C-alpha cells in the first residue's frame, strides 16, 4: 500500500491549515517524518500509516481514501471467462 500524498496534503490543509508541525501533532508523530513523507521522496512507513489510520478513525474518515493498493485487484466474471485460454496439456 502507498500513501496518496495529494489527498493527505488536502487533509493537512483542512485540519492543520497546511502546517506540518500542527499536522504532526494531530497525528502524534515527529514533524520531520511528516515533512519527509509529504514533502520529499520518502514513502510512508508503518508508523505514519498507523497514525493516519488512527486519525481517520477518530475523525470518521475513510482511511482507504488516503492510500493506494500496491497492486490493483482484478476480478474474473462470466463475461470475461470466455476470453481466458485454457493451458495446453503436455504431450504424452
Protein backbone atom coordinates (compact mmCIF):
# COMPACT_ATOMS: atom_id res chain seq x y z
CA UNK A 1 0.00 0.00 0.00
CA UNK A 2 1.20 3.51 -0.78
CA UNK A 3 0.16 6.87 0.54
CA UNK A 4 -1.95 9.16 -1.62
CA UNK A 5 0.17 12.22 -0.82
CA UNK A 6 -2.12 14.65 -2.61
CA UNK A 7 -5.15 13.58 -0.54
CA UNK A 8 -3.14 13.64 2.70
CA UNK A 9 -1.92 17.17 1.91
CA UNK A 10 -5.58 18.18 1.45
CA UNK A 11 -6.28 16.59 4.85
CA UNK A 12 -3.38 18.58 6.34
CA UNK A 13 -4.77 21.78 4.79
CA UNK A 14 -8.20 21.10 6.28
CA UNK A 15 -7.21 20.08 9.81
CA UNK A 16 -3.89 21.91 10.30
CA UNK A 17 -4.12 24.89 7.93
CA UNK A 18 -1.31 23.37 5.85
CA UNK A 19 1.18 23.42 8.74
CA UNK A 20 3.44 20.38 9.05
CA UNK A 21 4.10 20.89 12.77
CA UNK A 22 0.40 21.06 13.63
CA UNK A 23 -0.44 18.07 11.45
CA UNK A 24 2.36 16.06 13.07
CA UNK A 25 0.98 16.97 16.50
CA UNK A 26 -2.50 15.82 15.45
CA UNK A 27 -1.09 12.53 14.18
CA UNK A 28 1.18 12.08 17.20
CA UNK A 29 4.37 11.66 15.17
CA UNK A 30 7.54 13.69 14.59
CA UNK A 31 7.27 16.70 12.27
CA UNK A 32 10.39 15.54 10.37
CA UNK A 33 8.63 12.31 9.47
CA UNK A 34 5.62 14.20 8.14
CA UNK A 35 7.83 16.55 6.14
CA UNK A 36 9.95 13.74 4.66
CA UNK A 37 6.84 11.77 3.72
CA UNK A 38 4.70 14.56 2.28
CA UNK A 39 7.35 16.98 1.08
CA UNK A 40 10.05 14.61 -0.07
CA UNK A 41 10.53 11.32 -1.78
CA UNK A 42 10.21 9.13 1.34
CA UNK A 43 7.43 6.56 1.40
CA UNK A 44 5.10 6.33 4.38
CA UNK A 45 6.13 3.64 6.83
CA UNK A 46 4.03 1.67 9.29
CA UNK A 47 4.28 4.35 11.99
CA UNK A 48 2.96 7.09 9.68
CA UNK A 49 0.25 4.85 8.22
CA UNK A 50 -0.81 3.66 11.68
CA UNK A 51 -1.03 7.24 12.94
CA UNK A 52 -3.04 8.24 9.87
CA UNK A 53 -5.37 5.26 10.34
CA UNK A 54 -5.98 6.25 13.97
CA UNK A 55 -6.56 9.88 12.96
CA UNK A 56 -9.05 8.82 10.28
CA UNK A 57 -10.95 6.61 12.73
CA UNK A 58 -11.12 9.42 15.30
CA UNK A 59 -12.48 11.87 12.71
CA UNK A 60 -14.80 9.37 11.00
CA UNK A 61 -12.83 9.47 7.72
CA UNK A 62 -12.30 6.53 5.38
CA UNK A 63 -8.61 5.56 5.61
CA UNK A 64 -8.85 3.89 2.20
CA UNK A 65 -9.35 7.31 0.61
CA UNK A 66 -5.77 8.18 1.56
CA UNK A 67 -3.93 5.11 0.26
CA UNK A 68 -3.30 3.23 -2.96
CA UNK A 69 -3.13 -0.55 -3.05
CA UNK A 70 0.28 -1.86 -4.15
CA UNK A 71 -1.26 -3.95 -6.92
CA UNK A 72 -4.67 -3.47 -8.48
CA UNK A 73 -7.33 -6.02 -7.72
CA UNK A 74 -8.69 -8.00 -10.67
CA UNK A 75 -11.87 -9.93 -11.00
CA UNK A 76 -12.91 -12.58 -13.45
CA UNK A 77 -16.60 -12.85 -14.13
CA UNK A 78 -18.60 -14.86 -16.67
CA UNK A 79 -18.40 -12.09 -19.27
CA UNK A 80 -14.60 -12.29 -19.40
CA UNK A 81 -14.23 -16.00 -18.66
CA UNK A 82 -14.63 -16.90 -22.35
CA UNK A 83 -11.54 -14.87 -23.26
CA UNK A 84 -9.26 -16.84 -20.93
CA UNK A 85 -7.48 -19.57 -22.83
CA UNK A 86 -7.04 -22.91 -21.07
CA UNK A 87 -3.46 -24.06 -20.50
CA UNK A 88 -2.30 -26.59 -23.10
CA UNK A 89 -1.96 -30.17 -21.91
CA UNK A 90 1.51 -31.68 -22.13
CA UNK A 91 2.06 -34.16 -24.95
CA UNK A 92 2.15 -37.78 -23.83
